[in-house]
Amino acid sequence: MTAQEAYNSLDPQRWKDTSIFERLALLEQVQHNLKKYAVELGEVDAKMKNDLIGENITSAAEGMGTTVMPMANTLMGIHKLYESLATGNIQKPLSINEIDTNLFEVEVFPIFSKDKLAAAQQKGYLHIEGTPTQTNPMDKPVGVIAVSGAGNYSSSIEMAMALFLENKVALHKPHQLNEATDAIWEKIFAPMIEVQAVAFCDADQGREMAALEGLHSIYFTGSTGVAHAIQNAAKAPLVSECGGNNPCIIVPGKWSDKDIKRQAIQLASVGKLNGGAVCGRPQTIITSKNWAQREAFLNALRKALMEETFACSSHYPGVDKTKEAFLENQTSAEILKPEHGKHSKSDFVLIPSISEDDFAVTNEAFCQIYSEIPLDVSTDTDEFLTKATDFCNNKLLGSLGCMLLVDNDTMKANESRVHRAVRELNYGGIAVNDVPPNIWLNAYLTWGGCGETTEDFVSGVGNFGNALNFDNIKKSVILNDFNSTSFELTNRKKVEHLLENASYFSIDQSWGHFAKLAGQMVMDNFKKKDFN
């Protein structure tokens, strides 16, 4: 279908006239369909990646984790919102506190009992400029939002956000890599198509979609260059998420050997996710050159990348040339070979000891590359965070996601200083003792750049998410305990069980699915690695 034909099939007024109760019924039909087609989504997504790699290394469960889970989380957050709207109220947050002049911190996660069980010690906050206000989505003006789907993930959660959070009908165009999964999304969103609230156009309709008259806005996830091209050609404003070079700031502290190993495995794991094609994954590790445990951590990271986490292959087109550019420009680069290099396109590049003006600072990898910069600063928490914040805000490319690791003793002694750093770091999503992609997966938080303008953005303008529909959000923050259970790619079957069970639990949050998720996790914790 052409973009114009898809646009013509939509009826914004009909969607406006659809009641809260009717929307809840439609939402539940979509959730039912998501469960029905979950395995097929995972299989088709995995096939696309494996075909590009030339090897069957990506499992259907991994495909479910990157397609089903994001949409399921989004739909569940929206369902909770509309349940509250059905009672005549809008769901309120857990707390609101003024943390700086005209800046408020709003605790939005976890609110509900099953979310609390799944979240453990993880908490989610919005930073809002001005007195926090919420807008009932039913009160927003109707219109049409065009969604240009991402290439690295085929779970276009922006469709659901446009429909239920912005009160707009949605026109969706898939990335060419995800045409096969888009055909399944059409079946999942069939109830919305029937009421003329959603329409799908062909993958080659990008230019035509951008040129449509009458759009309220265009939602785009992808490269900065393409985003600027769309913005220049489009007749509607662009809301964009475009990646960047995200930091992992390691606050100097006294870590045990167990701490070093656990955090190295967590960092290795998030760096390998989806072959490194994750917009919010950390890329530049920031340390103090005077941290006594710096070399021990880097050695642990090397071991975690090569021996303690399984190999993942980079499927995204063009990243081979990106990797070559990093290797050509960074003389300290090390090529590490997980599982002795037996899997195609699975090499991991580690670049220790880069400098502030290096190529690796001002370029995004979007593949399995980590660089490390040892800042010439003391291990004093205040001095280190001052230097690290300045480097991130003024040198590092983009403003999308930031990861910050701080041990519990250092946090306890410097809590106000760490929170000040969270306020000052110019990133749209900040994960303290957690991984930034978990912000994207959380329906109650937002995902996007921070403080960028339409003229010269890198990570994008605007944000997606926000299931409680707050206004004027500056950034989202996850806080977790330093000793919390991290996501670890230490056993393939364990990861497959986790992703499959978490996907099904995210769809309906039934006690049965929670019991299966929790029970399998307990059993799998005893498993050793299943690769060599």
Protein backbone atom coordinates (compact mmCIF):
# COMPACT_ATOMS: atom_id res chain seq x y z
CA MET A 1 0.00 0.00 0.00
CA THR A 2 1.26 3.50 -0.78
CA ALA A 3 1.64 6.10 1.95
CA GLN A 4 -1.20 8.15 0.48
CA GLU A 5 -3.52 5.14 0.32
CA ALA A 6 -2.69 4.26 3.91
CA TYR A 7 -3.28 7.85 5.01
CA ASN A 8 -6.62 7.95 3.20
CA SER A 9 -7.79 4.80 5.00
CA LEU A 10 -7.45 6.42 8.43
CA ASP A 11 -10.29 8.15 10.28
CA PRO A 12 -9.06 10.35 13.16
CA GLN A 13 -12.58 11.49 14.06
CA ARG A 14 -13.75 7.92 14.48
CA TRP A 15 -10.85 7.31 16.86
CA LYS A 16 -11.74 10.45 18.81
CA ASP A 17 -15.29 9.14 19.21
CA THR A 18 -14.07 5.76 20.46
CA SER A 19 -14.77 5.61 24.20
CA ILE A 20 -12.34 4.62 26.93
CA PHE A 21 -14.13 1.30 27.38
CA GLU A 22 -14.07 0.58 23.64
CA ARG A 23 -10.37 1.39 23.57
CA LEU A 24 -9.72 -0.97 26.46
CA ALA A 25 -11.52 -3.73 24.56
CA LEU A 26 -9.45 -3.03 21.43
CA LEU A 27 -6.28 -2.94 23.49
CA GLU A 28 -7.06 -6.35 24.98
CA GLN A 29 -7.64 -7.78 21.51
CA VAL A 30 -4.22 -6.51 20.44
CA GLN A 31 -2.63 -8.02 23.56
CA HIS A 32 -4.37 -11.33 22.80
CA ASN A 33 -3.03 -11.24 19.24
CA LEU A 34 0.46 -10.43 20.49
CA LYS A 35 0.40 -13.58 22.60
CA LYS A 36 -0.98 -15.59 19.67
CA TYR A 37 1.76 -14.50 17.27
CA ALA A 38 4.63 -14.14 19.77
CA VAL A 39 6.59 -17.19 18.63
CA GLU A 40 6.10 -16.34 14.96
CA LEU A 41 7.41 -12.82 15.59
CA GLY A 42 10.49 -14.23 17.30
CA GLU A 43 11.15 -16.77 14.57
CA VAL A 44 10.82 -14.27 11.72
CA ASP A 45 12.98 -11.68 13.48
CA ALA A 46 15.68 -14.28 14.19
CA LYS A 47 15.59 -15.50 10.58
CA MET A 48 16.17 -11.99 9.25
CA LYS A 49 19.24 -11.57 11.44
CA ASN A 50 20.60 -15.04 10.78
CA ASP A 51 20.22 -14.58 7.03
CA LEU A 52 22.31 -11.39 7.25
CA ILE A 53 24.91 -13.11 9.42
CA GLY A 54 25.02 -16.31 7.36
CA GLU A 55 24.69 -18.52 10.42
CA ASN A 56 21.85 -19.65 12.71
CA ILE A 57 23.15 -18.03 15.88
CA THR A 58 20.15 -15.88 16.90
CA SER A 59 17.36 -17.86 18.59
CA ALA A 60 13.60 -17.34 18.32
CA ALA A 61 13.57 -16.48 22.03
CA GLU A 62 16.06 -13.68 21.38
CA GLY A 63 13.78 -12.53 18.58
CA MET A 64 10.86 -12.49 21.02
CA GLY A 65 12.92 -10.42 23.44
CA THR A 66 13.48 -7.72 20.83
CA THR A 67 9.96 -7.69 19.35
CA VAL A 68 7.37 -9.02 21.80
CA MET A 69 8.72 -7.71 25.11
CA PRO A 70 8.99 -3.99 24.22
CA MET A 71 5.47 -3.92 22.78
CA ALA A 72 4.04 -6.00 25.62
CA ASN A 73 5.49 -3.65 28.25
CA THR A 74 4.15 -0.62 26.40
CA LEU A 75 0.66 -2.08 26.01
CA MET A 76 0.51 -3.13 29.67
CA GLY A 77 1.47 0.35 30.85
CA ILE A 78 -1.19 1.83 28.57
CA HIS A 79 -3.76 -0.71 29.81
CA LYS A 80 -3.13 0.36 33.41
CA LEU A 81 -3.53 4.01 32.40
CA TYR A 82 -6.87 3.40 30.66
CA GLU A 83 -8.14 1.32 33.57
CA SER A 84 -7.63 4.37 35.76
CA LEU A 85 -9.25 6.64 33.16
CA ALA A 86 -12.27 4.34 33.16
CA THR A 87 -12.80 5.22 36.84
CA GLY A 88 -12.76 8.94 36.03
CA ASN A 89 -9.19 9.53 37.22
CA ILE A 90 -5.71 9.46 35.78
CA GLN A 91 -3.16 7.19 37.48
CA LYS A 92 -1.01 9.18 39.90
CA PRO A 93 2.72 8.66 40.54
CA LEU A 94 4.24 7.35 43.74
CA SER A 95 5.82 10.66 44.74
CA ILE A 96 6.75 14.15 43.54
CA ASN A 97 9.71 16.07 44.96
CA GLU A 98 11.37 19.32 43.97
CA ILE A 99 15.07 18.49 43.57
CA ASP A 100 16.34 21.78 42.15
CA THR A 101 14.97 25.17 41.24
CA ASN A 102 11.90 24.50 39.09
CA LEU A 103 12.98 20.87 38.58
CA PHE A 104 10.91 18.01 39.97
CA GLU A 105 11.58 14.30 40.37
CA VAL A 106 8.50 12.13 39.88
CA GLU A 107 8.61 8.49 40.94
CA VAL A 108 6.58 6.51 38.41
CA PHE A 109 7.82 2.92 38.73
CA PRO A 110 7.02 0.41 40.11
CA ILE A 111 3.44 1.32 41.08
CA PHE A 112 1.60 -2.00 40.75
CA SER A 113 2.19 -5.17 42.75
CA LYS A 114 3.45 -7.40 39.94
CA ASP A 115 5.71 -4.66 38.65
CA LYS A 116 7.16 -4.41 42.16
CA LEU A 117 7.86 -8.14 42.23
CA ALA A 118 9.58 -8.05 38.85
CA ALA A 119 11.48 -4.82 39.53
CA ALA A 120 12.98 -5.89 42.87
CA GLN A 121 15.08 -2.85 43.93
CA GLN A 122 14.82 -1.01 40.62
CA LYS A 123 13.00 2.35 40.70
CA GLY A 124 12.07 4.69 37.85
CA TYR A 125 11.82 8.48 37.89
CA LEU A 126 10.96 11.32 35.54
CA HIS A 127 12.72 14.68 35.81
CA ILE A 128 10.22 17.38 34.92
CA GLU A 129 10.76 21.08 34.38
CA GLY A 130 8.11 23.16 36.12
CA THR A 131 5.27 21.96 38.32
CA PRO A 132 4.39 18.43 37.14
CA THR A 133 1.10 18.13 35.28
CA GLN A 134 -0.60 15.21 33.56
CA THR A 135 -2.79 15.39 30.47
CA ASN A 136 -5.64 12.97 29.86
CA PRO A 137 -4.91 11.49 26.41
CA MET A 138 -8.62 11.64 25.59
CA ASP A 139 -8.39 15.44 25.84
CA LYS A 140 -5.62 15.76 23.25
CA PRO A 141 -6.54 16.89 19.72
CA VAL A 142 -6.91 14.18 17.11
CA GLY A 143 -4.71 13.84 14.05
CA VAL A 144 -2.40 11.47 12.18
CA ILE A 145 1.10 10.48 13.29
CA ALA A 146 3.35 8.76 10.75
CA VAL A 147 5.74 6.21 12.26
CA SER A 148 8.95 5.30 10.46
CA GLY A 149 10.04 2.01 12.00
CA ALA A 150 13.57 1.29 13.21
CA GLY A 151 15.94 -1.12 11.52
CA ASN A 152 17.63 -2.60 14.57
CA TYR A 153 14.34 -3.52 16.26
CA SER A 154 11.03 -4.36 14.62
CA SER A 155 8.87 -3.63 17.66
CA SER A 156 7.30 -0.30 16.69
CA ILE A 157 6.00 0.67 20.10
CA GLU A 158 5.56 4.21 18.77
CA MET A 159 2.32 3.07 17.09
CA ALA A 160 0.76 2.24 20.45
CA MET A 161 2.05 5.48 21.96
CA ALA A 162 0.56 7.54 19.13
CA LEU A 163 -2.81 5.83 19.50
CA PHE A 164 -3.31 5.67 23.23
CA LEU A 165 -1.06 8.39 24.66
CA GLU A 166 -1.38 11.07 21.97
CA ASN A 167 -4.95 10.34 20.77
CA LYS A 168 -3.74 10.11 17.17
CA VAL A 169 -4.27 7.48 14.51
CA ALA A 170 -1.07 5.90 13.21
CA LEU A 171 0.40 5.31 9.77
CA HIS A 172 3.28 2.85 9.98
CA LYS A 173 6.12 2.30 7.52
CA PRO A 174 8.56 -0.51 8.30
CA HIS A 175 12.30 -0.43 7.79
CA GLN A 176 13.23 -2.60 4.81
CA LEU A 177 14.92 -5.10 7.16
CA ASN A 178 11.66 -5.67 8.99
CA GLU A 179 9.09 -6.09 6.23
CA ALA A 180 8.49 -9.73 7.21
CA THR A 181 7.80 -8.94 10.86
CA ASP A 182 5.66 -5.99 9.82
CA ALA A 183 3.31 -8.40 8.08
CA ILE A 184 2.83 -10.08 11.47
CA TRP A 185 2.30 -6.74 13.20
CA GLU A 186 -0.52 -6.11 10.73
CA LYS A 187 -2.22 -9.26 12.01
CA ILE A 188 -1.62 -8.25 15.62
CA PHE A 189 -3.03 -4.75 15.08
CA ALA A 190 -5.93 -5.97 12.92
CA PRO A 191 -8.54 -4.69 15.44
CA MET A 192 -7.07 -1.20 15.11
CA ILE A 193 -7.02 -1.43 11.32
CA GLU A 194 -10.70 -2.39 11.33
CA VAL A 195 -11.64 0.80 13.19
CA GLN A 196 -9.46 2.86 10.82
CA ALA A 197 -7.01 3.81 13.57
CA VAL A 198 -3.90 2.11 12.11
CA ALA A 199 -2.66 1.66 8.55
CA PHE A 200 0.52 0.13 7.15
CA CYS A 201 2.32 1.26 4.01
CA ASP A 202 5.17 -0.36 2.09
CA ALA A 203 8.80 -0.04 3.18
CA ASP A 204 9.75 1.95 0.06
CA GLN A 205 7.30 4.75 0.87
CA GLY A 206 9.58 6.83 3.10
CA ARG A 207 9.79 9.91 0.88
CA GLU A 208 6.11 9.77 0.06
CA MET A 209 5.16 9.45 3.72
CA ALA A 210 7.31 12.41 4.75
CA ALA A 211 5.70 14.56 2.05
CA LEU A 212 2.11 13.82 3.08
CA GLU A 213 -0.15 16.78 3.73
CA GLY A 214 -2.07 16.82 6.99
CA LEU A 215 0.25 14.90 9.32
CA HIS A 216 0.41 16.00 12.94
CA SER A 217 3.99 14.73 13.27
CA ILE A 218 6.43 12.03 12.20
CA TYR A 219 7.98 9.56 14.66
CA PHE A 220 11.39 8.33 13.54
CA THR A 221 13.99 5.96 15.00
CA GLY A 222 17.26 5.61 13.11
CA SER A 223 20.42 7.42 12.07
CA THR A 224 21.01 11.11 12.62
CA GLY A 225 21.66 11.75 8.93
CA VAL A 226 18.40 10.18 7.80
CA ALA A 227 16.51 12.04 10.53
CA HIS A 228 17.82 15.39 9.30
CA ALA A 229 16.95 14.44 5.71
CA ILE A 230 13.39 13.58 6.73
CA GLN A 231 13.09 16.77 8.75
CA ASN A 232 14.25 18.86 5.80
CA ALA A 233 11.79 17.20 3.42
CA ALA A 234 8.80 16.75 5.71
CA LYS A 235 5.85 19.07 6.07
CA ALA A 236 5.22 17.95 9.66
CA PRO A 237 7.46 18.23 12.74
CA LEU A 238 9.78 15.31 13.50
CA VAL A 239 10.08 13.50 16.83
CA SER A 240 13.29 11.50 16.57
CA GLU A 241 15.52 9.06 18.45
CA CYS A 242 18.90 8.64 16.80
CA GLY A 243 21.47 7.09 19.10
CA GLY A 244 24.90 8.45 19.97
CA ASN A 245 28.06 7.48 21.84
CA ASN A 246 26.74 6.58 25.28
CA PRO A 247 29.00 6.56 28.35
CA CYS A 248 29.37 4.10 31.20
CA ILE A 249 30.79 6.14 34.07
CA ILE A 250 32.56 4.05 36.69
CA VAL A 251 32.78 6.02 39.93
CA PRO A 252 36.01 5.02 41.71
CA GLY A 253 35.46 2.89 44.78
CA LYS A 254 36.69 -0.19 46.58
CA TRP A 255 35.20 -3.14 44.72
CA SER A 256 35.53 -6.76 45.77
CA ASP A 257 36.75 -9.36 43.26
CA LYS A 258 33.13 -10.52 43.04
CA ASP A 259 31.98 -6.96 42.26
CA ILE A 260 34.56 -6.61 39.51
CA LYS A 261 33.58 -9.90 37.89
CA ARG A 262 29.83 -9.25 38.12
CA GLN A 263 30.00 -5.75 36.67
CA ALA A 264 32.41 -6.86 33.93
CA ILE A 265 29.99 -9.61 32.90
CA GLN A 266 27.06 -7.18 32.95
CA LEU A 267 28.94 -4.69 30.78
CA ALA A 268 30.09 -7.42 28.39
CA SER A 269 26.51 -8.68 28.10
CA VAL A 270 24.86 -5.35 27.35
CA GLY A 271 27.62 -4.60 24.84
CA LYS A 272 26.81 -7.77 22.90
CA LEU A 273 23.02 -7.41 22.88
CA ASN A 274 21.62 -7.55 19.35
CA GLY A 275 25.16 -7.66 18.01
CA GLY A 276 25.76 -4.19 19.44
CA ALA A 277 22.94 -2.65 17.37
CA VAL A 278 21.24 -1.07 20.37
CA CYS A 279 20.80 2.70 20.43
CA GLY A 280 21.13 2.93 24.20
CA ARG A 281 24.02 0.54 24.81
CA PRO A 282 27.07 2.08 26.47
CA GLN A 283 30.07 2.56 24.19
CA THR A 284 32.64 4.64 26.06
CA ILE A 285 33.73 3.47 29.52
CA ILE A 286 34.88 6.36 31.68
CA THR A 287 37.33 5.67 34.52
CA SER A 288 39.85 7.56 36.61
CA LYS A 289 43.46 6.80 35.63
CA ASN A 290 44.17 6.83 39.37
CA TRP A 291 41.57 4.21 40.29
CA ALA A 292 43.62 1.42 41.84
CA GLN A 293 41.34 -1.27 40.39
CA ARG A 294 41.18 0.08 36.83
CA GLU A 295 43.53 -2.50 35.32
CA ALA A 296 41.87 -5.31 37.27
CA PHE A 297 38.50 -4.25 35.89
CA LEU A 298 39.75 -3.99 32.30
CA ASN A 299 41.29 -7.46 32.57
CA ALA A 300 38.03 -8.79 33.98
CA LEU A 301 36.17 -7.16 31.09
CA ARG A 302 38.48 -8.80 28.56
CA LYS A 303 37.84 -12.17 30.19
CA ALA A 304 34.09 -11.55 30.35
CA LEU A 305 33.97 -10.65 26.66
CA MET A 306 36.06 -13.61 25.50
CA GLU A 307 35.32 -16.41 27.96
CA GLU A 308 32.43 -15.74 30.33
CA THR A 309 29.71 -14.52 27.95
CA PHE A 310 28.67 -16.26 24.77
CA ALA A 311 29.32 -14.89 21.31
CA CYS A 312 26.77 -12.69 19.55
CA SER A 313 27.02 -11.80 15.87
CA SER A 314 26.65 -8.30 14.44
CA HIS A 315 23.97 -8.41 11.75
CA TYR A 316 23.28 -4.76 11.05
CA PRO A 317 24.28 -3.70 7.51
CA GLY A 318 27.31 -1.42 7.25
CA VAL A 319 28.83 -2.05 10.67
CA ASP A 320 31.81 -3.89 9.16
CA LYS A 321 32.96 -0.58 7.68
CA THR A 322 32.31 1.15 10.99
CA LYS A 323 34.51 -1.37 12.78
CA GLU A 324 37.26 -0.88 10.19
CA ALA A 325 37.18 2.88 10.78
CA PHE A 326 37.60 2.43 14.53
CA LEU A 327 40.48 0.00 14.02
CA GLU A 328 42.20 2.37 11.59
CA ASN A 329 41.89 5.39 13.88
CA GLN A 330 42.57 3.82 17.29
CA THR A 331 46.00 2.23 17.62
CA SER A 332 45.29 0.69 21.05
CA ALA A 333 42.37 -1.37 19.70
CA GLU A 334 42.27 -5.04 20.66
CA ILE A 335 40.28 -7.60 18.67
CA LEU A 336 38.77 -10.12 21.07
CA LYS A 337 37.28 -13.40 19.87
CA PRO A 338 34.49 -14.84 22.04
CA GLU A 339 34.20 -18.63 21.86
CA HIS A 340 37.57 -18.64 20.05
CA GLY A 341 36.05 -16.86 17.05
CA LYS A 342 33.99 -19.83 15.87
CA HIS A 343 30.92 -17.70 15.09
CA SER A 344 30.69 -15.34 12.13
CA LYS A 345 30.90 -11.58 12.76
CA SER A 346 31.23 -12.03 16.53
CA ASP A 347 34.58 -10.28 17.17
CA PHE A 348 34.48 -7.66 19.91
CA VAL A 349 36.77 -4.63 19.73
CA LEU A 350 38.04 -3.19 23.01
CA ILE A 351 39.95 0.10 22.83
CA PRO A 352 41.55 0.99 26.17
CA SER A 353 43.28 4.25 27.05
CA ILE A 354 41.80 6.57 24.45
CA SER A 355 42.21 10.35 24.67
CA GLU A 356 39.57 13.08 24.91
CA ASP A 357 39.86 14.15 21.27
CA ASP A 358 40.07 10.70 19.68
CA PHE A 359 37.96 9.34 16.83
CA ALA A 360 36.27 6.97 19.30
CA VAL A 361 34.88 9.93 21.26
CA THR A 362 33.06 11.65 18.41
CA ASN A 363 31.74 8.63 16.51
CA GLU A 364 29.01 6.07 17.19
CA ALA A 365 29.88 2.39 16.77
CA PHE A 366 26.43 0.68 16.73
CA CYS A 367 28.27 -2.62 16.86
CA GLN A 368 30.42 -4.61 19.28
CA ILE A 369 32.96 -1.96 20.25
CA TYR A 370 33.92 -0.57 23.64
CA SER A 371 36.43 2.18 24.24
CA GLU A 372 37.79 3.23 27.62
CA ILE A 373 39.04 6.65 28.61
CA PRO A 374 41.02 7.04 31.84
CA LEU A 375 40.44 10.64 32.89
CA ASP A 376 43.36 12.43 34.50
CA VAL A 377 41.55 13.16 37.75
CA SER A 378 41.71 12.00 41.35
CA THR A 379 39.49 9.28 42.77
CA ASP A 380 37.64 11.79 44.95
CA THR A 381 33.97 11.34 44.04
CA ASP A 382 33.24 15.04 43.64
CA GLU A 383 36.32 15.75 41.53
CA PHE A 384 35.80 12.67 39.39
CA LEU A 385 32.11 13.32 38.71
CA THR A 386 32.83 16.97 37.90
CA LYS A 387 35.41 15.93 35.31
CA ALA A 388 33.34 13.04 33.94
CA THR A 389 30.21 15.18 33.59
CA ASP A 390 32.12 17.88 31.74
CA PHE A 391 33.65 15.32 29.38
CA CYS A 392 30.31 13.64 28.66
CA ASN A 393 28.39 16.87 28.14
CA ASN A 394 31.00 18.66 26.03
CA LYS A 395 33.09 16.01 24.26
CA LEU A 396 31.14 12.79 23.82
CA LEU A 397 28.77 12.46 20.84
CA GLY A 398 25.05 12.67 21.59
CA SER A 399 22.74 12.82 24.59
CA LEU A 400 20.69 9.61 24.51
CA GLY A 401 21.69 7.24 27.30
CA CYS A 402 24.14 7.14 30.20
CA MET A 403 25.12 4.30 32.53
CA LEU A 404 26.63 5.04 35.92
CA LEU A 405 28.16 2.40 38.20
CA VAL A 406 28.71 3.31 41.85
CA ASP A 407 29.21 0.82 44.67
CA ASN A 408 26.92 1.01 47.68
CA ASP A 409 29.54 2.33 50.11
CA THR A 410 30.53 5.13 47.76
CA MET A 411 26.87 5.90 47.09
CA LYS A 412 26.07 6.06 50.80
CA ALA A 413 28.95 8.45 51.44
CA ASN A 414 28.25 10.62 48.38
CA GLU A 415 24.53 10.22 47.66
CA SER A 416 23.77 13.92 47.17
CA ARG A 417 26.78 14.30 44.85
CA VAL A 418 25.72 11.32 42.73
CA HIS A 419 22.19 12.70 42.43
CA ARG A 420 23.62 16.05 41.43
CA ALA A 421 25.56 14.32 38.66
CA VAL A 422 22.34 12.66 37.48
CA ARG A 423 20.74 16.11 37.25
CA GLU A 424 23.72 17.65 35.48
CA LEU A 425 24.48 14.89 32.96
CA ASN A 426 22.86 15.92 29.69
CA TYR A 427 21.24 12.61 28.77
CA GLY A 428 17.63 11.68 28.16
CA GLY A 429 17.98 8.36 29.97
CA ILE A 430 20.32 7.71 32.91
CA ALA A 431 20.67 4.27 34.49
CA VAL A 432 22.41 4.13 37.88
CA ASN A 433 23.61 0.58 38.57
CA ASP A 434 21.46 -0.62 35.69
CA VAL A 435 21.59 -0.67 31.89
CA PRO A 436 20.07 2.13 29.75
CA PRO A 437 18.05 -0.21 27.47
CA ASN A 438 15.89 -0.97 30.53
CA ILE A 439 14.69 2.63 30.34
CA TRP A 440 13.48 2.06 26.77
CA LEU A 441 11.73 -1.13 27.90
CA ASN A 442 9.85 0.69 30.68
CA ALA A 443 6.45 2.05 29.62
CA TYR A 444 6.43 4.67 32.38
CA LEU A 445 9.73 6.27 31.43
CA THR A 446 10.79 8.17 28.32
CA TRP A 447 13.42 7.55 25.67
CA GLY A 448 15.07 10.26 23.60
CA GLY A 449 17.80 12.88 23.55
CA CYS A 450 18.15 15.68 26.08
CA GLY A 451 18.08 19.40 25.34
CA GLU A 452 18.91 19.11 21.65
CA THR A 453 17.49 21.39 18.96
CA THR A 454 16.02 20.73 15.53
CA GLU A 455 18.93 22.55 13.88
CA ASP A 456 21.85 20.44 15.10
CA PHE A 457 20.54 17.38 16.96
CA VAL A 458 22.53 14.15 17.22
CA SER A 459 20.40 11.91 19.46
CA GLY A 460 17.11 13.48 18.43
CA VAL A 461 14.42 15.90 19.52
CA GLY A 462 11.48 14.93 21.73
CA ASN A 463 10.93 11.58 23.38
CA PHE A 464 8.78 8.45 23.37
CA GLY A 465 7.07 6.65 26.24
CA ASN A 466 5.52 8.21 29.36
CA ALA A 467 2.51 5.99 30.17
CA LEU A 468 1.31 8.41 32.86
CA ASN A 469 1.24 11.25 30.32
CA PHE A 470 3.26 13.86 32.18
CA ASP A 471 4.16 17.13 30.46
CA ASN A 472 7.58 18.82 30.06
CA ILE A 473 9.79 15.80 30.75
CA LYS A 474 13.52 16.49 30.66
CA LYS A 475 14.92 13.01 31.30
CA SER A 476 14.22 9.58 32.75
CA VAL A 477 16.25 7.88 35.47
CA ILE A 478 16.52 4.31 36.74
CA LEU A 479 18.10 3.74 40.15
CA ASN A 480 19.14 0.27 41.26
CA ASP A 481 21.29 -1.39 43.86
CA PHE A 482 24.93 -2.05 42.97
CA ASN A 483 24.48 -5.71 43.93
CA SER A 484 21.27 -6.21 41.97
CA THR A 485 20.96 -9.19 39.66
CA SER A 486 22.28 -8.14 36.29
CA PHE A 487 21.46 -9.38 32.81
CA GLU A 488 24.15 -11.90 31.97
CA LEU A 489 24.84 -13.77 28.73
CA THR A 490 26.51 -16.62 30.60
CA ASN A 491 24.32 -19.49 29.38
CA ARG A 492 22.36 -19.57 26.12
CA LYS A 493 19.49 -21.69 27.40
CA LYS A 494 19.20 -19.55 30.51
CA VAL A 495 18.89 -16.40 28.40
CA GLU A 496 16.38 -18.03 26.05
CA HIS A 497 14.22 -19.12 28.99
CA LEU A 498 14.40 -15.64 30.50
CA LEU A 499 13.47 -13.80 27.30
CA GLU A 500 10.63 -16.15 26.39
CA ASN A 501 9.12 -16.25 29.88
CA ALA A 502 9.55 -12.51 30.43
CA SER A 503 7.86 -11.84 27.08
CA TYR A 504 4.79 -13.87 27.99
CA PHE A 505 4.62 -12.36 31.48
CA SER A 506 4.84 -8.87 29.99
CA ILE A 507 1.82 -9.56 27.78
CA ASP A 508 -0.70 -10.40 30.51
CA GLN A 509 1.16 -10.31 33.86
CA SER A 510 -0.70 -13.43 35.00
CA TRP A 511 0.40 -15.18 38.19
CA GLY A 512 0.94 -18.33 36.15
CA HIS A 513 3.41 -16.63 33.85
CA PHE A 514 5.11 -14.94 36.81
CA ALA A 515 5.52 -18.30 38.56
CA LYS A 516 7.03 -19.82 35.43
CA LEU A 517 9.37 -16.85 35.00
CA ALA A 518 10.52 -16.83 38.63
CA GLY A 519 10.74 -20.62 38.94
CA GLN A 520 12.80 -21.02 35.79
CA MET A 521 15.14 -18.24 36.91
CA VAL A 522 15.79 -20.06 40.20
CA MET A 523 16.54 -23.30 38.37
CA ASP A 524 18.71 -21.62 35.75
CA ASN A 525 20.83 -19.86 38.37
CA PHE A 526 22.52 -23.21 38.99
CA LYS A 527 23.52 -23.61 35.35
CA LYS A 528 27.09 -23.18 34.25
CA LYS A 529 28.04 -21.82 30.86
CA ASP A 530 26.96 -23.96 27.90
CA PHE A 531 29.59 -22.78 25.41
CA ASN A 532 33.35 -23.08 25.04
